[in-house]
Amino acid sequence: MTRIKERAVEMIQRMPDDDMLYVINILQNLEEMTTKKDVDRKQAMAAYQDLMKYRGRLPEDFEADKELAEAREEKYGSIS
């Protein structure tokens, strides 16, 4: 057991039994946070890999403003 774990055990042993409910609650919350962090990390990596499938370079003659105007015209037409 590492020194820090030994220190934690010593502190818990000195605490009155009435306070153990708080310690258990804190430990459960920490355990959930650790588990959730692992799941979040896996989801983030999966999302990143999904985005990386779409990466690439645009053609040299790509005009973003023109593409946007054409897309708006196609979707909304003339709203006058």
N, C-alpha and C. Protein backbone atom coordinates (compact mmCIF):
# COMPACT_ATOMS: atom_id res chain seq x y z
N MET A 1 0.87 -1.17 0.00
CA MET A 1 0.00 0.00 0.00
C MET A 1 0.91 1.23 0.00
N THR A 2 0.54 2.22 -0.80
CA THR A 2 1.35 3.43 -0.87
C THR A 2 1.18 4.24 0.40
N ARG A 3 2.12 5.13 0.63
CA ARG A 3 2.09 5.98 1.84
C ARG A 3 0.83 6.82 1.90
N ILE A 4 0.39 7.31 0.78
CA ILE A 4 -0.80 8.16 0.79
C ILE A 4 -2.05 7.37 1.16
N LYS A 5 -2.13 6.11 0.69
CA LYS A 5 -3.26 5.26 1.07
C LYS A 5 -3.20 4.91 2.57
N GLU A 6 -1.99 4.66 3.05
CA GLU A 6 -1.84 4.39 4.48
C GLU A 6 -2.30 5.57 5.30
N ARG A 7 -1.95 6.75 4.85
CA ARG A 7 -2.37 7.97 5.56
C ARG A 7 -3.89 8.11 5.56
N ALA A 8 -4.52 7.81 4.42
CA ALA A 8 -5.98 7.89 4.34
C ALA A 8 -6.64 6.89 5.28
N VAL A 9 -6.10 5.67 5.34
CA VAL A 9 -6.64 4.65 6.23
C VAL A 9 -6.49 5.08 7.69
N GLU A 10 -5.35 5.63 8.02
CA GLU A 10 -5.12 6.11 9.39
C GLU A 10 -6.13 7.19 9.76
N MET A 11 -6.38 8.10 8.86
CA MET A 11 -7.35 9.18 9.13
C MET A 11 -8.74 8.59 9.33
N ILE A 12 -9.11 7.64 8.50
CA ILE A 12 -10.44 7.03 8.61
C ILE A 12 -10.56 6.28 9.93
N GLN A 13 -9.51 5.60 10.35
CA GLN A 13 -9.55 4.85 11.60
C GLN A 13 -9.72 5.76 12.80
N ARG A 14 -9.22 6.98 12.72
CA ARG A 14 -9.36 7.93 13.84
C ARG A 14 -10.74 8.57 13.89
N MET A 15 -11.49 8.51 12.80
CA MET A 15 -12.80 9.17 12.75
C MET A 15 -13.85 8.39 13.52
N PRO A 16 -14.79 9.10 14.12
CA PRO A 16 -15.89 8.40 14.81
C PRO A 16 -16.81 7.72 13.79
N ASP A 17 -17.45 6.65 14.24
CA ASP A 17 -18.34 5.89 13.35
C ASP A 17 -19.47 6.75 12.79
N ASP A 18 -19.90 7.74 13.54
CA ASP A 18 -21.00 8.60 13.08
C ASP A 18 -20.64 9.36 11.80
N ASP A 19 -19.36 9.61 11.59
CA ASP A 19 -18.93 10.36 10.42
C ASP A 19 -18.63 9.47 9.21
N MET A 20 -18.68 8.18 9.37
CA MET A 20 -18.36 7.25 8.29
C MET A 20 -19.32 7.39 7.10
N LEU A 21 -20.56 7.76 7.36
CA LEU A 21 -21.53 7.95 6.28
C LEU A 21 -21.02 9.01 5.31
N TYR A 22 -20.43 10.08 5.83
CA TYR A 22 -19.90 11.14 4.98
C TYR A 22 -18.71 10.64 4.16
N VAL A 23 -17.85 9.87 4.79
CA VAL A 23 -16.68 9.33 4.11
C VAL A 23 -17.11 8.41 2.98
N ILE A 24 -18.06 7.54 3.26
CA ILE A 24 -18.56 6.62 2.24
C ILE A 24 -19.17 7.39 1.08
N ASN A 25 -19.94 8.42 1.39
CA ASN A 25 -20.57 9.24 0.35
C ASN A 25 -19.51 9.89 -0.52
N ILE A 26 -18.49 10.44 0.09
CA ILE A 26 -17.41 11.09 -0.67
C ILE A 26 -16.69 10.07 -1.55
N LEU A 27 -16.39 8.90 -1.00
CA LEU A 27 -15.69 7.88 -1.78
C LEU A 27 -16.54 7.38 -2.95
N GLN A 28 -17.84 7.22 -2.72
CA GLN A 28 -18.71 6.80 -3.82
C GLN A 28 -18.73 7.84 -4.93
N ASN A 29 -18.80 9.12 -4.56
CA ASN A 29 -18.79 10.18 -5.57
C ASN A 29 -17.48 10.20 -6.33
N LEU A 30 -16.37 10.02 -5.64
CA LEU A 30 -15.07 9.98 -6.32
C LEU A 30 -14.98 8.80 -7.27
N GLU A 31 -15.50 7.66 -6.84
CA GLU A 31 -15.47 6.48 -7.69
C GLU A 31 -16.30 6.69 -8.96
N GLU A 32 -17.47 7.30 -8.81
CA GLU A 32 -18.32 7.59 -9.97
C GLU A 32 -17.64 8.57 -10.92
N MET A 33 -16.98 9.57 -10.36
CA MET A 33 -16.29 10.56 -11.20
C MET A 33 -15.18 9.90 -11.99
N THR A 34 -14.45 9.00 -11.38
CA THR A 34 -13.36 8.31 -12.06
C THR A 34 -13.89 7.46 -13.19
N THR A 35 -14.95 6.72 -12.92
CA THR A 35 -15.56 5.87 -13.94
C THR A 35 -16.10 6.72 -15.08
N LYS A 36 -16.77 7.81 -14.73
CA LYS A 36 -17.34 8.69 -15.75
C LYS A 36 -16.24 9.31 -16.60
N LYS A 37 -15.13 9.66 -15.99
CA LYS A 37 -14.03 10.27 -16.73
C LYS A 37 -13.51 9.31 -17.80
N ASP A 38 -13.40 8.03 -17.44
CA ASP A 38 -12.94 7.04 -18.42
C ASP A 38 -13.92 6.93 -19.58
N VAL A 39 -15.22 6.92 -19.28
CA VAL A 39 -16.24 6.83 -20.32
C VAL A 39 -16.20 8.08 -21.19
N ASP A 40 -16.09 9.26 -20.55
CA ASP A 40 -16.03 10.51 -21.30
C ASP A 40 -14.82 10.53 -22.23
N ARG A 41 -13.69 10.04 -21.74
CA ARG A 41 -12.48 10.02 -22.55
C ARG A 41 -12.66 9.12 -23.77
N LYS A 42 -13.29 7.96 -23.56
CA LYS A 42 -13.52 7.04 -24.68
C LYS A 42 -14.48 7.66 -25.70
N GLN A 43 -15.53 8.32 -25.20
CA GLN A 43 -16.48 8.97 -26.11
C GLN A 43 -15.81 10.10 -26.88
N ALA A 44 -14.96 10.86 -26.20
CA ALA A 44 -14.27 11.96 -26.86
C ALA A 44 -13.34 11.44 -27.95
N MET A 45 -12.63 10.37 -27.66
CA MET A 45 -11.73 9.81 -28.67
C MET A 45 -12.51 9.25 -29.86
N ALA A 46 -13.65 8.63 -29.59
CA ALA A 46 -14.48 8.10 -30.68
C ALA A 46 -14.99 9.25 -31.55
N ALA A 47 -15.42 10.34 -30.91
CA ALA A 47 -15.91 11.50 -31.66
C ALA A 47 -14.78 12.12 -32.48
N TYR A 48 -13.59 12.19 -31.90
CA TYR A 48 -12.44 12.73 -32.62
C TYR A 48 -12.11 11.87 -33.84
N GLN A 49 -12.11 10.56 -33.66
CA GLN A 49 -11.83 9.67 -34.78
C GLN A 49 -12.89 9.82 -35.86
N ASP A 50 -14.14 10.01 -35.46
CA ASP A 50 -15.21 10.21 -36.43
C ASP A 50 -14.99 11.49 -37.22
N LEU A 51 -14.59 12.55 -36.54
CA LEU A 51 -14.31 13.81 -37.23
C LEU A 51 -13.12 13.69 -38.18
N MET A 52 -12.13 12.94 -37.76
CA MET A 52 -10.93 12.81 -38.58
C MET A 52 -11.22 12.11 -39.91
N LYS A 53 -12.30 11.35 -39.99
CA LYS A 53 -12.66 10.72 -41.26
C LYS A 53 -13.00 11.76 -42.32
N TYR A 54 -13.47 12.92 -41.88
CA TYR A 54 -13.93 13.95 -42.81
C TYR A 54 -12.88 15.01 -43.11
N ARG A 55 -11.70 14.87 -42.56
CA ARG A 55 -10.69 15.90 -42.79
C ARG A 55 -10.17 15.82 -44.22
N GLY A 56 -9.69 16.91 -44.68
CA GLY A 56 -9.13 16.96 -46.02
C GLY A 56 -8.89 18.41 -46.40
N ARG A 57 -8.42 18.60 -47.58
CA ARG A 57 -8.14 19.96 -48.04
C ARG A 57 -9.19 20.37 -49.05
N LEU A 58 -9.49 21.64 -49.03
CA LEU A 58 -10.43 22.19 -50.00
C LEU A 58 -9.67 22.51 -51.29
N PRO A 59 -10.38 22.52 -52.39
CA PRO A 59 -9.71 22.88 -53.64
C PRO A 59 -9.16 24.31 -53.58
N GLU A 60 -8.16 24.57 -54.39
CA GLU A 60 -7.53 25.89 -54.41
C GLU A 60 -8.53 26.99 -54.76
N ASP A 61 -9.49 26.69 -55.64
CA ASP A 61 -10.43 27.71 -56.10
C ASP A 61 -11.70 27.77 -55.25
N PHE A 62 -11.69 27.19 -54.06
CA PHE A 62 -12.88 27.18 -53.21
C PHE A 62 -13.17 28.58 -52.69
N GLU A 63 -14.41 29.01 -52.86
CA GLU A 63 -14.84 30.32 -52.38
C GLU A 63 -15.97 30.10 -51.37
N ALA A 64 -15.63 30.26 -50.09
CA ALA A 64 -16.58 29.96 -49.02
C ALA A 64 -17.82 30.85 -49.11
N ASP A 65 -17.66 32.13 -49.36
CA ASP A 65 -18.81 33.04 -49.44
C ASP A 65 -19.73 32.66 -50.59
N LYS A 66 -19.16 32.29 -51.70
CA LYS A 66 -19.97 31.89 -52.85
C LYS A 66 -20.74 30.60 -52.54
N GLU A 67 -20.06 29.62 -51.93
CA GLU A 67 -20.71 28.36 -51.56
C GLU A 67 -21.85 28.60 -50.58
N LEU A 68 -21.62 29.47 -49.61
CA LEU A 68 -22.64 29.78 -48.62
C LEU A 68 -23.84 30.44 -49.28
N ALA A 69 -23.60 31.39 -50.17
CA ALA A 69 -24.70 32.08 -50.86
C ALA A 69 -25.50 31.10 -51.70
N GLU A 70 -24.83 30.19 -52.38
CA GLU A 70 -25.53 29.20 -53.20
C GLU A 70 -26.35 28.24 -52.33
N ALA A 71 -25.80 27.85 -51.21
CA ALA A 71 -26.52 26.94 -50.31
C ALA A 71 -27.75 27.62 -49.74
N ARG A 72 -27.61 28.89 -49.38
CA ARG A 72 -28.77 29.64 -48.87
C ARG A 72 -29.84 29.80 -49.94
N GLU A 73 -29.42 30.10 -51.13
CA GLU A 73 -30.36 30.26 -52.24
C GLU A 73 -31.09 28.95 -52.50
N GLU A 74 -30.35 27.85 -52.48
CA GLU A 74 -30.95 26.55 -52.72
C GLU A 74 -31.95 26.18 -51.62
N LYS A 75 -31.58 26.49 -50.38
CA LYS A 75 -32.45 26.09 -49.26
C LYS A 75 -33.63 27.03 -49.10
N TYR A 76 -33.40 28.33 -49.17
CA TYR A 76 -34.44 29.30 -48.86
C TYR A 76 -35.03 29.99 -50.08
N GLY A 77 -34.32 29.95 -51.17
CA GLY A 77 -34.82 30.64 -52.36
C GLY A 77 -34.84 32.14 -52.15
N SER A 78 -35.73 32.77 -52.84
CA SER A 78 -35.86 34.22 -52.71
C SER A 78 -37.00 34.49 -51.74
N ILE A 79 -36.70 35.06 -50.58
CA ILE A 79 -37.73 35.28 -49.55
C ILE A 79 -38.27 36.70 -49.64
N SER A 80 -38.39 37.23 -50.76
CA SER A 80 -38.90 38.60 -50.83
C SER A 80 -40.35 38.65 -51.15
